[in-house]
Amino acid sequence: MASISNKVLVIIAAVFALIGWAVALGGIAALNDTCNKQVDEANSGYGSGRYSHKDCSDQYRYQWWGIWFTFFLTVIILLLEIFGKADAWSVTLQVCIAKCNLAAMRDHEPIRRKKLNIRILFAQVFCAACLSVTMIDVNAMYDAVTDAAEAALAGFIIMSMALMLLIIFLGMGSAGVNVSISVGATKTSPSPAASQPAKGVDNA
């Protein structure tokens, strides 16, 4: 019977959250970069100054906020767990994660659709913090934009799942609950005949 400490579980969930963070960061960065390129193309056609790169960053401001909030929160949890302080701060950490998810459910706001001289509809991403739901109109996007939006969606889903696991594992740690895993090892007992000593053969 092997027992896994909550410290290991919290670290695993935190690493899982950082993986989702990296995927979401790449997806949103690609979407933002594509938006900037479309702004440059539009300005070259209509004249400089009509559109701004700030419009793109404003369009994804909730996603950027959620991504970096998740990153710093996860790093803080990791450091507290490594130094053995997570149990003392478990309630505070759980409240922060719960607030993060609550903000996403309550304060979500669809991204305003930007139309330049070419017809392209960017992804509508609802994310105020960590837990997110992404709605994508694939028919109105280029393949690159679609791939980036799908990557961002996958990253947000991974992050939200990991954060929910962190809430559970931190609660288990404060309650003093450990996860036990039994490794099945089959033991075979020798037969009675095999356990008896061999008898000698009498020669006539």
N, C-alpha and C. Protein backbone atom coordinates (compact mmCIF):
# COMPACT_ATOMS: atom_id res chain seq x y z
N MET A 1 0.85 -1.19 0.00
CA MET A 1 0.00 0.00 0.00
C MET A 1 0.89 1.24 0.00
N ALA A 2 0.83 1.99 -1.07
CA ALA A 2 1.64 3.20 -1.19
C ALA A 2 0.76 4.43 -0.94
N SER A 3 1.28 5.39 -0.22
CA SER A 3 0.54 6.61 0.12
C SER A 3 1.18 7.81 -0.58
N ILE A 4 0.36 8.55 -1.32
CA ILE A 4 0.83 9.74 -2.03
C ILE A 4 0.46 10.97 -1.20
N SER A 5 1.44 11.77 -0.86
CA SER A 5 1.17 12.96 -0.05
C SER A 5 0.47 14.01 -0.90
N ASN A 6 -0.25 14.89 -0.22
CA ASN A 6 -0.95 15.96 -0.92
C ASN A 6 0.03 16.94 -1.56
N LYS A 7 1.23 17.02 -1.02
CA LYS A 7 2.25 17.88 -1.62
C LYS A 7 2.54 17.46 -3.04
N VAL A 8 2.65 16.15 -3.26
CA VAL A 8 2.90 15.64 -4.61
C VAL A 8 1.71 15.93 -5.52
N LEU A 9 0.49 15.74 -5.00
CA LEU A 9 -0.71 15.97 -5.80
C LEU A 9 -0.84 17.44 -6.19
N VAL A 10 -0.56 18.33 -5.25
CA VAL A 10 -0.64 19.77 -5.54
C VAL A 10 0.39 20.17 -6.58
N ILE A 11 1.60 19.64 -6.46
CA ILE A 11 2.65 19.96 -7.43
C ILE A 11 2.27 19.45 -8.82
N ILE A 12 1.71 18.23 -8.88
CA ILE A 12 1.28 17.68 -10.17
C ILE A 12 0.20 18.55 -10.80
N ALA A 13 -0.80 18.95 -10.00
CA ALA A 13 -1.87 19.80 -10.51
C ALA A 13 -1.34 21.16 -10.94
N ALA A 14 -0.38 21.70 -10.19
CA ALA A 14 0.20 23.00 -10.55
C ALA A 14 0.97 22.92 -11.87
N VAL A 15 1.72 21.85 -12.05
CA VAL A 15 2.44 21.65 -13.31
C VAL A 15 1.44 21.50 -14.46
N PHE A 16 0.35 20.78 -14.20
CA PHE A 16 -0.72 20.62 -15.18
C PHE A 16 -1.29 21.98 -15.56
N ALA A 17 -1.47 22.85 -14.57
CA ALA A 17 -1.98 24.20 -14.84
C ALA A 17 -0.99 25.02 -15.67
N LEU A 18 0.29 24.86 -15.39
CA LEU A 18 1.30 25.59 -16.16
C LEU A 18 1.37 25.11 -17.60
N ILE A 19 1.12 23.81 -17.81
CA ILE A 19 1.07 23.30 -19.19
C ILE A 19 -0.09 23.95 -19.94
N GLY A 20 -1.26 24.00 -19.29
CA GLY A 20 -2.40 24.68 -19.91
C GLY A 20 -2.13 26.15 -20.13
N TRP A 21 -1.43 26.77 -19.19
CA TRP A 21 -1.07 28.19 -19.34
C TRP A 21 -0.20 28.39 -20.58
N ALA A 22 0.77 27.52 -20.78
CA ALA A 22 1.67 27.66 -21.93
C ALA A 22 0.90 27.50 -23.24
N VAL A 23 -0.03 26.54 -23.28
CA VAL A 23 -0.82 26.32 -24.50
C VAL A 23 -1.73 27.52 -24.77
N ALA A 24 -2.40 28.00 -23.72
CA ALA A 24 -3.28 29.17 -23.89
C ALA A 24 -2.49 30.41 -24.27
N LEU A 25 -1.31 30.57 -23.66
CA LEU A 25 -0.47 31.73 -23.99
C LEU A 25 -0.08 31.72 -25.46
N GLY A 26 0.30 30.55 -25.97
CA GLY A 26 0.66 30.46 -27.38
C GLY A 26 -0.51 30.76 -28.29
N GLY A 27 -1.71 30.25 -27.92
CA GLY A 27 -2.89 30.49 -28.75
C GLY A 27 -3.29 31.95 -28.79
N ILE A 28 -3.36 32.59 -27.62
CA ILE A 28 -3.75 34.00 -27.57
C ILE A 28 -2.69 34.89 -28.21
N ALA A 29 -1.42 34.54 -28.02
CA ALA A 29 -0.35 35.32 -28.64
C ALA A 29 -0.46 35.25 -30.16
N ALA A 30 -0.78 34.05 -30.69
CA ALA A 30 -0.93 33.90 -32.13
C ALA A 30 -2.13 34.69 -32.64
N LEU A 31 -3.24 34.66 -31.89
CA LEU A 31 -4.41 35.45 -32.28
C LEU A 31 -4.10 36.94 -32.27
N ASN A 32 -3.40 37.38 -31.24
CA ASN A 32 -3.04 38.80 -31.15
C ASN A 32 -2.10 39.20 -32.29
N ASP A 33 -1.16 38.31 -32.62
CA ASP A 33 -0.22 38.61 -33.69
C ASP A 33 -0.93 38.67 -35.04
N THR A 34 -1.89 37.75 -35.25
CA THR A 34 -2.66 37.78 -36.49
C THR A 34 -3.47 39.06 -36.60
N CYS A 35 -4.04 39.48 -35.49
CA CYS A 35 -4.80 40.74 -35.48
C CYS A 35 -3.89 41.92 -35.82
N ASN A 36 -2.69 41.93 -35.27
CA ASN A 36 -1.75 43.02 -35.58
C ASN A 36 -1.39 43.05 -37.06
N LYS A 37 -1.23 41.87 -37.66
CA LYS A 37 -0.92 41.82 -39.09
C LYS A 37 -2.07 42.36 -39.92
N GLN A 38 -3.31 42.03 -39.52
CA GLN A 38 -4.46 42.54 -40.25
C GLN A 38 -4.57 44.06 -40.09
N VAL A 39 -4.19 44.56 -38.93
CA VAL A 39 -4.19 46.01 -38.73
C VAL A 39 -3.18 46.67 -39.66
N ASP A 40 -2.00 46.06 -39.78
CA ASP A 40 -0.98 46.62 -40.68
C ASP A 40 -1.46 46.61 -42.12
N GLU A 41 -2.12 45.52 -42.53
CA GLU A 41 -2.63 45.45 -43.90
C GLU A 41 -3.72 46.49 -44.13
N ALA A 42 -4.58 46.65 -43.13
CA ALA A 42 -5.66 47.63 -43.28
C ALA A 42 -5.11 49.05 -43.34
N ASN A 43 -4.12 49.34 -42.52
CA ASN A 43 -3.53 50.68 -42.52
C ASN A 43 -2.81 50.97 -43.83
N SER A 44 -2.20 49.93 -44.41
CA SER A 44 -1.52 50.14 -45.69
C SER A 44 -2.50 50.42 -46.81
N GLY A 45 -3.73 49.92 -46.65
CA GLY A 45 -4.73 50.15 -47.69
C GLY A 45 -5.52 51.42 -47.48
N TYR A 46 -5.84 51.72 -46.23
CA TYR A 46 -6.68 52.88 -45.93
C TYR A 46 -5.89 54.10 -45.48
N GLY A 47 -4.62 53.89 -45.21
CA GLY A 47 -3.84 55.00 -44.71
C GLY A 47 -3.46 54.78 -43.26
N SER A 48 -2.32 55.27 -42.90
CA SER A 48 -1.79 55.04 -41.55
C SER A 48 -2.65 55.72 -40.49
N GLY A 49 -2.81 55.02 -39.38
CA GLY A 49 -3.49 55.60 -38.24
C GLY A 49 -4.96 55.27 -38.12
N ARG A 50 -5.53 54.61 -39.12
CA ARG A 50 -6.96 54.28 -39.02
C ARG A 50 -7.20 53.21 -37.97
N TYR A 51 -6.32 52.22 -37.93
CA TYR A 51 -6.41 51.15 -36.93
C TYR A 51 -5.14 51.13 -36.10
N SER A 52 -5.22 50.59 -34.91
CA SER A 52 -4.08 50.56 -34.00
C SER A 52 -3.89 49.16 -33.43
N HIS A 53 -2.63 48.83 -33.14
CA HIS A 53 -2.35 47.56 -32.48
C HIS A 53 -2.99 47.49 -31.10
N LYS A 54 -3.24 48.64 -30.52
CA LYS A 54 -3.89 48.66 -29.21
C LYS A 54 -5.29 48.08 -29.29
N ASP A 55 -5.93 48.19 -30.46
CA ASP A 55 -7.24 47.59 -30.62
C ASP A 55 -7.17 46.07 -30.44
N CYS A 56 -6.09 45.48 -30.92
CA CYS A 56 -5.92 44.03 -30.79
C CYS A 56 -5.68 43.63 -29.34
N SER A 57 -4.81 44.36 -28.67
CA SER A 57 -4.54 44.04 -27.27
C SER A 57 -5.77 44.28 -26.40
N ASP A 58 -6.56 45.31 -26.74
CA ASP A 58 -7.81 45.54 -26.01
C ASP A 58 -8.82 44.43 -26.27
N GLN A 59 -8.79 43.90 -27.48
CA GLN A 59 -9.73 42.86 -27.83
C GLN A 59 -9.51 41.60 -26.99
N TYR A 60 -8.26 41.33 -26.66
CA TYR A 60 -7.93 40.12 -25.90
C TYR A 60 -7.49 40.46 -24.48
N ARG A 61 -7.94 41.60 -23.97
CA ARG A 61 -7.46 42.01 -22.65
C ARG A 61 -7.92 41.06 -21.55
N TYR A 62 -9.12 40.51 -21.64
CA TYR A 62 -9.60 39.59 -20.61
C TYR A 62 -8.82 38.28 -20.65
N GLN A 63 -8.49 37.84 -21.86
CA GLN A 63 -7.70 36.61 -21.98
C GLN A 63 -6.29 36.80 -21.41
N TRP A 64 -5.67 37.93 -21.73
CA TRP A 64 -4.33 38.19 -21.19
C TRP A 64 -4.37 38.27 -19.68
N TRP A 65 -5.38 38.92 -19.14
CA TRP A 65 -5.49 39.04 -17.69
C TRP A 65 -5.66 37.66 -17.06
N GLY A 66 -6.53 36.83 -17.65
CA GLY A 66 -6.75 35.50 -17.11
C GLY A 66 -5.51 34.63 -17.19
N ILE A 67 -4.78 34.73 -18.29
CA ILE A 67 -3.58 33.91 -18.47
C ILE A 67 -2.53 34.26 -17.43
N TRP A 68 -2.26 35.54 -17.24
CA TRP A 68 -1.20 35.92 -16.29
C TRP A 68 -1.65 35.79 -14.84
N PHE A 69 -2.94 35.97 -14.58
CA PHE A 69 -3.42 35.72 -13.22
C PHE A 69 -3.24 34.25 -12.86
N THR A 70 -3.56 33.37 -13.79
CA THR A 70 -3.37 31.94 -13.56
C THR A 70 -1.91 31.61 -13.34
N PHE A 71 -1.04 32.22 -14.13
CA PHE A 71 0.39 31.93 -14.01
C PHE A 71 0.92 32.31 -12.63
N PHE A 72 0.67 33.54 -12.21
CA PHE A 72 1.20 33.99 -10.93
C PHE A 72 0.56 33.24 -9.76
N LEU A 73 -0.72 32.94 -9.86
CA LEU A 73 -1.37 32.18 -8.80
C LEU A 73 -0.78 30.78 -8.69
N THR A 74 -0.53 30.15 -9.82
CA THR A 74 0.04 28.80 -9.81
C THR A 74 1.46 28.81 -9.27
N VAL A 75 2.26 29.79 -9.66
CA VAL A 75 3.63 29.89 -9.15
C VAL A 75 3.63 30.09 -7.64
N ILE A 76 2.73 30.93 -7.14
CA ILE A 76 2.64 31.16 -5.70
C ILE A 76 2.28 29.86 -4.98
N ILE A 77 1.33 29.12 -5.53
CA ILE A 77 0.94 27.84 -4.92
C ILE A 77 2.11 26.87 -4.91
N LEU A 78 2.85 26.82 -6.01
CA LEU A 78 4.02 25.93 -6.08
C LEU A 78 5.05 26.30 -5.02
N LEU A 79 5.37 27.57 -4.90
CA LEU A 79 6.37 28.00 -3.92
C LEU A 79 5.91 27.71 -2.50
N LEU A 80 4.65 27.99 -2.20
CA LEU A 80 4.14 27.71 -0.86
C LEU A 80 4.17 26.22 -0.56
N GLU A 81 3.87 25.40 -1.57
CA GLU A 81 3.89 23.95 -1.35
C GLU A 81 5.30 23.43 -1.17
N ILE A 82 6.23 23.95 -1.94
CA ILE A 82 7.63 23.50 -1.83
C ILE A 82 8.20 23.85 -0.46
N PHE A 83 7.86 25.03 0.05
CA PHE A 83 8.38 25.45 1.35
C PHE A 83 7.49 25.02 2.52
N GLY A 84 6.49 24.19 2.23
CA GLY A 84 5.66 23.64 3.29
C GLY A 84 4.71 24.62 3.94
N LYS A 85 4.31 25.67 3.24
CA LYS A 85 3.41 26.68 3.80
C LYS A 85 2.02 26.63 3.19
N ALA A 86 1.78 25.70 2.27
CA ALA A 86 0.50 25.68 1.56
C ALA A 86 -0.66 25.35 2.48
N ASP A 87 -0.45 24.43 3.44
CA ASP A 87 -1.54 24.06 4.34
C ASP A 87 -2.00 25.24 5.17
N ALA A 88 -1.06 26.08 5.59
CA ALA A 88 -1.43 27.24 6.40
C ALA A 88 -2.21 28.27 5.59
N TRP A 89 -1.97 28.30 4.29
CA TRP A 89 -2.63 29.27 3.42
C TRP A 89 -3.67 28.62 2.52
N SER A 90 -4.06 27.39 2.81
CA SER A 90 -4.93 26.65 1.89
C SER A 90 -6.27 27.34 1.69
N VAL A 91 -6.85 27.87 2.77
CA VAL A 91 -8.15 28.53 2.65
C VAL A 91 -8.04 29.77 1.76
N THR A 92 -7.00 30.55 1.98
CA THR A 92 -6.80 31.76 1.17
C THR A 92 -6.59 31.40 -0.29
N LEU A 93 -5.80 30.37 -0.54
CA LEU A 93 -5.55 29.95 -1.92
C LEU A 93 -6.82 29.43 -2.57
N GLN A 94 -7.61 28.67 -1.82
CA GLN A 94 -8.87 28.17 -2.37
C GLN A 94 -9.83 29.30 -2.71
N VAL A 95 -9.87 30.31 -1.86
CA VAL A 95 -10.73 31.47 -2.13
C VAL A 95 -10.28 32.20 -3.39
N CYS A 96 -8.96 32.35 -3.56
CA CYS A 96 -8.43 33.02 -4.75
C CYS A 96 -8.80 32.26 -6.02
N ILE A 97 -8.67 30.94 -5.98
CA ILE A 97 -9.01 30.13 -7.15
C ILE A 97 -10.51 30.19 -7.41
N ALA A 98 -11.31 30.11 -6.33
CA ALA A 98 -12.76 30.17 -6.50
C ALA A 98 -13.20 31.52 -7.05
N LYS A 99 -12.57 32.60 -6.56
CA LYS A 99 -12.88 33.93 -7.09
C LYS A 99 -12.51 34.03 -8.56
N CYS A 100 -11.42 33.38 -8.91
CA CYS A 100 -10.98 33.37 -10.30
C CYS A 100 -12.04 32.73 -11.19
N ASN A 101 -12.56 31.59 -10.76
CA ASN A 101 -13.59 30.90 -11.53
C ASN A 101 -14.90 31.67 -11.52
N LEU A 102 -15.23 32.27 -10.38
CA LEU A 102 -16.47 33.04 -10.28
C LEU A 102 -16.43 34.25 -11.20
N ALA A 103 -15.27 34.89 -11.28
CA ALA A 103 -15.15 36.05 -12.16
C ALA A 103 -15.38 35.66 -13.60
N ALA A 104 -14.91 34.49 -13.98
CA ALA A 104 -15.10 34.03 -15.36
C ALA A 104 -16.56 33.74 -15.65
N MET A 105 -17.28 33.25 -14.64
CA MET A 105 -18.69 32.92 -14.85
C MET A 105 -19.57 34.19 -14.85
N ARG A 106 -19.17 35.19 -14.11
CA ARG A 106 -20.02 36.36 -13.91
C ARG A 106 -19.65 37.56 -14.77
N ASP A 107 -18.38 37.74 -14.98
CA ASP A 107 -17.91 38.95 -15.66
C ASP A 107 -17.46 38.69 -17.09
N HIS A 108 -17.88 37.56 -17.64
CA HIS A 108 -17.43 37.26 -19.01
C HIS A 108 -18.03 38.26 -19.99
N GLU A 109 -17.26 38.58 -20.96
CA GLU A 109 -17.67 39.57 -21.96
C GLU A 109 -17.13 39.14 -23.31
N PRO A 110 -17.99 39.03 -24.30
CA PRO A 110 -17.50 38.63 -25.63
C PRO A 110 -16.61 39.71 -26.22
N ILE A 111 -15.63 39.24 -26.94
CA ILE A 111 -14.73 40.18 -27.63
C ILE A 111 -15.50 40.90 -28.74
N ARG A 112 -15.27 42.20 -28.80
CA ARG A 112 -15.91 42.97 -29.87
C ARG A 112 -15.34 42.55 -31.23
N ARG A 113 -16.24 42.39 -32.16
CA ARG A 113 -15.82 41.93 -33.47
C ARG A 113 -15.22 43.09 -34.27
N LYS A 114 -14.04 42.79 -34.72
CA LYS A 114 -13.31 43.79 -35.51
C LYS A 114 -13.37 43.40 -36.98
N LYS A 115 -13.79 44.33 -37.84
CA LYS A 115 -13.80 44.08 -39.26
C LYS A 115 -12.88 45.08 -39.93
N LEU A 116 -11.90 44.54 -40.64
CA LEU A 116 -10.99 45.39 -41.39
C LEU A 116 -11.44 45.38 -42.85
N ASN A 117 -10.56 45.67 -43.75
CA ASN A 117 -10.95 45.70 -45.15
C ASN A 117 -11.19 44.31 -45.71
N ILE A 118 -10.73 43.30 -45.02
CA ILE A 118 -11.02 41.93 -45.44
C ILE A 118 -11.99 41.34 -44.44
N ARG A 119 -12.76 40.36 -44.88
CA ARG A 119 -13.79 39.78 -44.02
C ARG A 119 -13.18 38.70 -43.15
N ILE A 120 -13.00 39.03 -41.86
CA ILE A 120 -12.47 38.04 -40.92
C ILE A 120 -13.13 38.27 -39.58
N LEU A 121 -13.62 37.23 -39.00
CA LEU A 121 -14.27 37.31 -37.70
C LEU A 121 -13.40 36.58 -36.69
N PHE A 122 -12.92 37.33 -35.71
CA PHE A 122 -12.03 36.73 -34.73
C PHE A 122 -12.83 35.88 -33.74
N ALA A 123 -12.10 35.06 -33.00
CA ALA A 123 -12.74 34.19 -32.02
C ALA A 123 -13.36 35.03 -30.92
N GLN A 124 -14.53 34.61 -30.48
CA GLN A 124 -15.14 35.22 -29.31
C GLN A 124 -14.74 34.36 -28.12
N VAL A 125 -13.96 34.93 -27.22
CA VAL A 125 -13.47 34.16 -26.08
C VAL A 125 -14.02 34.79 -24.81
N PHE A 126 -14.75 34.01 -24.04
CA PHE A 126 -15.29 34.50 -22.78
C PHE A 126 -14.34 34.03 -21.69
N CYS A 127 -13.56 34.92 -21.08
CA CYS A 127 -12.64 34.56 -20.02
C CYS A 127 -12.28 35.78 -19.23
N ALA A 128 -12.72 35.85 -18.00
CA ALA A 128 -12.33 36.96 -17.14
C ALA A 128 -11.18 36.55 -16.26
N ALA A 129 -10.91 35.25 -16.15
CA ALA A 129 -9.83 34.82 -15.28
C ALA A 129 -9.31 33.47 -15.74
N CYS A 130 -9.64 32.42 -15.05
CA CYS A 130 -9.02 31.13 -15.30
C CYS A 130 -9.97 30.16 -15.99
N LEU A 131 -11.19 30.04 -15.50
CA LEU A 131 -12.17 29.15 -16.11
C LEU A 131 -12.74 29.85 -17.32
N SER A 132 -12.76 29.21 -18.51
CA SER A 132 -13.17 29.91 -19.71
C SER A 132 -13.95 28.99 -20.62
N VAL A 133 -14.81 29.60 -21.43
CA VAL A 133 -15.54 28.90 -22.47
C VAL A 133 -15.33 29.68 -23.75
N THR A 134 -14.85 29.03 -24.78
CA THR A 134 -14.53 29.72 -26.03
C THR A 134 -15.50 29.31 -27.12
N MET A 135 -16.03 30.30 -27.84
CA MET A 135 -16.92 30.05 -28.97
C MET A 135 -16.21 30.52 -30.22
N ILE A 136 -16.10 29.66 -31.20
CA ILE A 136 -15.31 29.96 -32.38
C ILE A 136 -16.19 29.83 -33.63
N ASP A 137 -16.22 30.84 -34.46
CA ASP A 137 -16.88 30.79 -35.75
C ASP A 137 -15.83 30.43 -36.79
N VAL A 138 -15.68 29.14 -37.05
CA VAL A 138 -14.59 28.66 -37.89
C VAL A 138 -14.76 29.12 -39.33
N ASN A 139 -16.01 29.21 -39.79
CA ASN A 139 -16.23 29.54 -41.19
C ASN A 139 -15.73 30.92 -41.56
N ALA A 140 -15.61 31.81 -40.61
CA ALA A 140 -15.21 33.19 -40.89
C ALA A 140 -13.76 33.45 -40.54
N MET A 141 -12.97 32.40 -40.36
CA MET A 141 -11.57 32.58 -39.97
C MET A 141 -10.65 31.90 -40.97
N TYR A 142 -9.44 32.37 -41.01
CA TYR A 142 -8.41 31.68 -41.74
C TYR A 142 -7.95 30.49 -40.92
N ASP A 143 -7.25 29.57 -41.57
CA ASP A 143 -6.80 28.37 -40.88
C ASP A 143 -5.88 28.71 -39.72
N ALA A 144 -5.01 29.68 -39.92
CA ALA A 144 -4.07 30.04 -38.85
C ALA A 144 -4.80 30.56 -37.63
N VAL A 145 -5.82 31.39 -37.87
CA VAL A 145 -6.58 31.94 -36.76
C VAL A 145 -7.36 30.84 -36.06
N THR A 146 -7.91 29.90 -36.84
CA THR A 146 -8.66 28.80 -36.26
C THR A 146 -7.77 27.94 -35.38
N ASP A 147 -6.58 27.61 -35.87
CA ASP A 147 -5.65 26.80 -35.07
C ASP A 147 -5.27 27.51 -33.78
N ALA A 148 -5.02 28.80 -33.87
CA ALA A 148 -4.65 29.55 -32.68
C ALA A 148 -5.80 29.60 -31.68
N ALA A 149 -7.02 29.78 -32.18
CA ALA A 149 -8.18 29.83 -31.29
C ALA A 149 -8.41 28.48 -30.62
N GLU A 150 -8.22 27.40 -31.38
CA GLU A 150 -8.37 26.06 -30.80
C GLU A 150 -7.30 25.80 -29.75
N ALA A 151 -6.09 26.26 -30.00
CA ALA A 151 -5.03 26.10 -29.01
C ALA A 151 -5.35 26.88 -27.74
N ALA A 152 -5.86 28.10 -27.91
CA ALA A 152 -6.24 28.89 -26.74
C ALA A 152 -7.36 28.22 -25.96
N LEU A 153 -8.34 27.68 -26.68
CA LEU A 153 -9.44 26.98 -26.03
C LEU A 153 -8.93 25.79 -25.23
N ALA A 154 -8.05 24.99 -25.86
CA ALA A 154 -7.50 23.82 -25.16
C ALA A 154 -6.72 24.23 -23.92
N GLY A 155 -5.94 25.29 -24.04
CA GLY A 155 -5.17 25.75 -22.89
C GLY A 155 -6.05 26.22 -21.75
N PHE A 156 -7.12 26.97 -22.07
CA PHE A 156 -8.02 27.44 -21.02
C PHE A 156 -8.74 26.28 -20.34
N ILE A 157 -9.10 25.27 -21.10
CA ILE A 157 -9.77 24.10 -20.51
C ILE A 157 -8.82 23.36 -19.58
N ILE A 158 -7.58 23.17 -20.02
CA ILE A 158 -6.59 22.50 -19.17
C ILE A 158 -6.35 23.30 -17.89
N MET A 159 -6.23 24.61 -18.03
CA MET A 159 -6.01 25.46 -16.85
C MET A 159 -7.16 25.35 -15.87
N SER A 160 -8.39 25.41 -16.37
CA SER A 160 -9.54 25.38 -15.48
C SER A 160 -9.66 24.04 -14.77
N MET A 161 -9.36 22.94 -15.48
CA MET A 161 -9.39 21.62 -14.85
C MET A 161 -8.33 21.52 -13.77
N ALA A 162 -7.14 22.01 -14.06
CA ALA A 162 -6.05 21.94 -13.08
C ALA A 162 -6.36 22.79 -11.85
N LEU A 163 -6.98 23.95 -12.06
CA LEU A 163 -7.31 24.80 -10.93
C LEU A 163 -8.38 24.17 -10.05
N MET A 164 -9.32 23.47 -10.65
CA MET A 164 -10.31 22.76 -9.85
C MET A 164 -9.66 21.64 -9.04
N LEU A 165 -8.69 20.96 -9.64
CA LEU A 165 -7.96 19.93 -8.90
C LEU A 165 -7.17 20.55 -7.75
N LEU A 166 -6.62 21.73 -7.97
CA LEU A 166 -5.88 22.40 -6.90
C LEU A 166 -6.79 22.73 -5.72
N ILE A 167 -8.01 23.14 -6.01
CA ILE A 167 -8.95 23.40 -4.92
C ILE A 167 -9.18 22.13 -4.11
N ILE A 168 -9.38 21.01 -4.80
CA ILE A 168 -9.64 19.73 -4.12
C ILE A 168 -8.42 19.29 -3.33
N PHE A 169 -7.25 19.33 -3.94
CA PHE A 169 -6.04 18.83 -3.27
C PHE A 169 -5.65 19.72 -2.09
N LEU A 170 -5.82 21.02 -2.22
CA LEU A 170 -5.53 21.91 -1.10
C LEU A 170 -6.48 21.65 0.06
N GLY A 171 -7.75 21.37 -0.27
CA GLY A 171 -8.71 21.04 0.77
C GLY A 171 -8.38 19.72 1.45
N MET A 172 -7.92 18.76 0.67
CA MET A 172 -7.51 17.49 1.26
C MET A 172 -6.31 17.67 2.17
N GLY A 173 -5.38 18.54 1.77
CA GLY A 173 -4.20 18.77 2.60
C GLY A 173 -4.54 19.40 3.93
N SER A 174 -5.45 20.38 3.92
CA SER A 174 -5.84 21.02 5.17
C SER A 174 -6.63 20.08 6.07
N ALA A 175 -7.29 19.09 5.45
CA ALA A 175 -8.05 18.11 6.24
C ALA A 175 -7.20 16.93 6.67
N GLY A 176 -5.96 16.88 6.21
CA GLY A 176 -5.07 15.79 6.58
C GLY A 176 -5.38 14.47 5.90
N VAL A 177 -5.94 14.55 4.70
CA VAL A 177 -6.30 13.35 3.96
C VAL A 177 -5.21 13.04 2.95
N ASN A 178 -4.74 11.80 2.94
CA ASN A 178 -3.75 11.34 1.97
C ASN A 178 -4.37 10.30 1.07
N VAL A 179 -3.88 10.25 -0.14
CA VAL A 179 -4.36 9.27 -1.11
C VAL A 179 -3.49 8.04 -1.04
N SER A 180 -4.13 6.89 -0.86
CA SER A 180 -3.41 5.63 -0.77
C SER A 180 -3.68 4.80 -2.02
N ILE A 181 -2.63 4.27 -2.57
CA ILE A 181 -2.73 3.44 -3.77
C ILE A 181 -2.17 2.07 -3.45
N SER A 182 -2.97 1.05 -3.67
CA SER A 182 -2.51 -0.31 -3.41
C SER A 182 -2.01 -0.93 -4.70
N VAL A 183 -0.84 -1.46 -4.63
CA VAL A 183 -0.25 -2.13 -5.78
C VAL A 183 -0.52 -3.62 -5.64
N GLY A 184 -1.27 -4.18 -6.56
CA GLY A 184 -1.65 -5.58 -6.45
C GLY A 184 -0.49 -6.51 -6.74
N ALA A 185 -0.04 -7.20 -5.71
CA ALA A 185 1.01 -8.19 -5.86
C ALA A 185 0.44 -9.54 -5.47
N THR A 186 0.30 -10.43 -6.42
CA THR A 186 -0.30 -11.73 -6.18
C THR A 186 0.73 -12.67 -5.58
N LYS A 187 0.38 -13.20 -4.41
CA LYS A 187 1.27 -14.15 -3.74
C LYS A 187 0.70 -15.55 -3.90
N THR A 188 1.51 -16.46 -4.36
CA THR A 188 1.10 -17.85 -4.55
C THR A 188 1.68 -18.69 -3.43
N SER A 189 0.81 -19.38 -2.73
CA SER A 189 1.27 -20.25 -1.64
C SER A 189 1.58 -21.62 -2.20
N PRO A 190 2.66 -22.22 -1.78
CA PRO A 190 3.01 -23.54 -2.31
C PRO A 190 2.00 -24.59 -1.87
N SER A 191 1.84 -25.61 -2.70
CA SER A 191 0.92 -26.69 -2.38
C SER A 191 1.48 -27.53 -1.24
N PRO A 192 0.59 -28.20 -0.48
CA PRO A 192 1.08 -29.03 0.64
C PRO A 192 2.06 -30.10 0.20
N ALA A 193 1.82 -30.68 -0.98
CA ALA A 193 2.72 -31.73 -1.46
C ALA A 193 4.10 -31.19 -1.75
N ALA A 194 4.13 -29.96 -2.28
CA ALA A 194 5.43 -29.39 -2.62
C ALA A 194 6.20 -28.97 -1.39
N SER A 195 5.47 -28.67 -0.30
CA SER A 195 6.15 -28.23 0.91
C SER A 195 6.73 -29.37 1.72
N GLN A 196 6.28 -30.62 1.44
CA GLN A 196 6.81 -31.76 2.17
C GLN A 196 8.17 -32.17 1.61
N PRO A 197 9.08 -32.60 2.48
CA PRO A 197 10.39 -33.05 1.98
C PRO A 197 10.27 -34.31 1.15
N ALA A 198 11.12 -34.42 0.16
CA ALA A 198 11.07 -35.59 -0.72
C ALA A 198 11.53 -36.83 0.02
N LYS A 199 10.82 -37.94 -0.19
CA LYS A 199 11.17 -39.22 0.45
C LYS A 199 12.16 -40.00 -0.41
N GLY A 200 13.09 -40.63 0.27
CA GLY A 200 14.07 -41.43 -0.46
C GLY A 200 13.45 -42.70 -1.02
N VAL A 201 14.04 -43.27 -2.06
CA VAL A 201 13.56 -44.50 -2.70
C VAL A 201 14.40 -45.66 -2.20
N ASP A 202 13.74 -46.68 -1.61
CA ASP A 202 14.45 -47.86 -1.11
C ASP A 202 14.80 -48.78 -2.26
N ASN A 203 16.05 -49.17 -2.35
CA ASN A 203 16.46 -50.10 -3.40
C ASN A 203 16.43 -51.52 -2.83
N ALA A 204 15.83 -52.42 -3.54
CA ALA A 204 15.73 -53.80 -3.09
C ALA A 204 17.09 -54.45 -3.18
